[in-house]
Amino acid sequence: MIVFDFNHIEGCTQSFIHALLSKPIRDFRETAFNNLLYQNANQDVKKIISIVYRYMQESLDE
């Protein structure tokens, strides 16, 4: 399990989250989806993480 703690983070860009997550998701696929945990993320950050997850899932399905 890898925990990303977004405590005191007010916002981030989609490109940052994509850079953070894309390689582990490409390399480990379901293992990454099941073992990456996000703590203390506000609604804006959660929305961006969700967008990147959907994008990555779609790109892996192609």
Protein backbone atom coordinates (compact mmCIF):
# COMPACT_ATOMS: atom_id res chain seq x y z
CA MET A 1 0.00 0.00 0.00
CA ILE A 2 1.27 3.45 -0.91
CA VAL A 3 -0.34 6.40 0.85
CA PHE A 4 -0.37 9.89 -0.66
CA ASP A 5 -1.16 12.41 2.07
CA PHE A 6 -2.60 15.66 0.73
CA ASN A 7 -2.73 17.33 4.14
CA HIS A 8 -2.29 21.11 3.75
CA ILE A 9 -2.58 20.82 -0.05
CA GLU A 10 -5.23 23.20 -1.29
CA GLY A 11 -5.04 22.23 -4.93
CA CYS A 12 -2.99 20.63 -7.67
CA THR A 13 -3.07 20.36 -11.42
CA GLN A 14 -4.30 17.45 -13.47
CA SER A 15 -0.86 17.23 -15.06
CA PHE A 16 0.76 16.81 -11.62
CA ILE A 17 -1.59 13.99 -10.65
CA HIS A 18 -1.12 12.36 -14.05
CA ALA A 19 2.68 12.52 -13.68
CA LEU A 20 2.39 11.08 -10.18
CA LEU A 21 0.15 8.17 -11.10
CA SER A 22 0.52 7.26 -14.76
CA LYS A 23 3.71 5.17 -14.57
CA PRO A 24 2.65 3.05 -11.56
CA ILE A 25 -0.77 2.49 -13.12
CA ARG A 26 0.69 1.53 -16.51
CA ASP A 27 3.28 -0.75 -14.94
CA PHE A 28 1.13 -2.40 -12.26
CA ARG A 29 -2.45 -1.84 -13.49
CA GLU A 30 -4.98 -3.35 -11.07
CA THR A 31 -2.38 -3.72 -8.34
CA ALA A 32 -1.78 0.03 -8.50
CA PHE A 33 -5.51 0.84 -8.59
CA ASN A 34 -6.02 -1.33 -5.51
CA ASN A 35 -2.98 -0.22 -3.51
CA LEU A 36 -2.74 3.55 -3.94
CA LEU A 37 -4.48 5.40 -1.11
CA TYR A 38 -5.19 9.11 -0.90
CA GLN A 39 -5.61 10.75 2.50
CA ASN A 40 -6.72 14.25 3.42
CA ALA A 41 -7.52 15.21 -0.16
CA ASN A 42 -10.08 18.00 -0.47
CA GLN A 43 -12.94 17.79 -2.98
CA ASP A 44 -10.99 19.57 -5.73
CA VAL A 45 -8.03 17.19 -5.44
CA LYS A 46 -10.35 14.16 -5.27
CA LYS A 47 -12.06 15.29 -8.46
CA ILE A 48 -8.72 15.57 -10.28
CA ILE A 49 -7.62 12.13 -9.04
CA SER A 50 -10.91 10.72 -10.28
CA ILE A 51 -10.47 12.30 -13.71
CA VAL A 52 -6.96 10.87 -14.03
CA TYR A 53 -8.13 7.43 -12.88
CA ARG A 54 -10.87 7.38 -15.51
CA TYR A 55 -8.48 8.55 -18.21
CA MET A 56 -5.91 5.91 -17.25
CA GLN A 57 -8.52 3.12 -17.15
CA GLU A 58 -9.78 4.11 -20.60
CA SER A 59 -6.26 4.24 -22.04
CA LEU A 60 -5.47 0.78 -20.64
CA ASP A 61 -8.64 -0.66 -22.17
CA GLU A 62 -7.62 0.40 -25.69
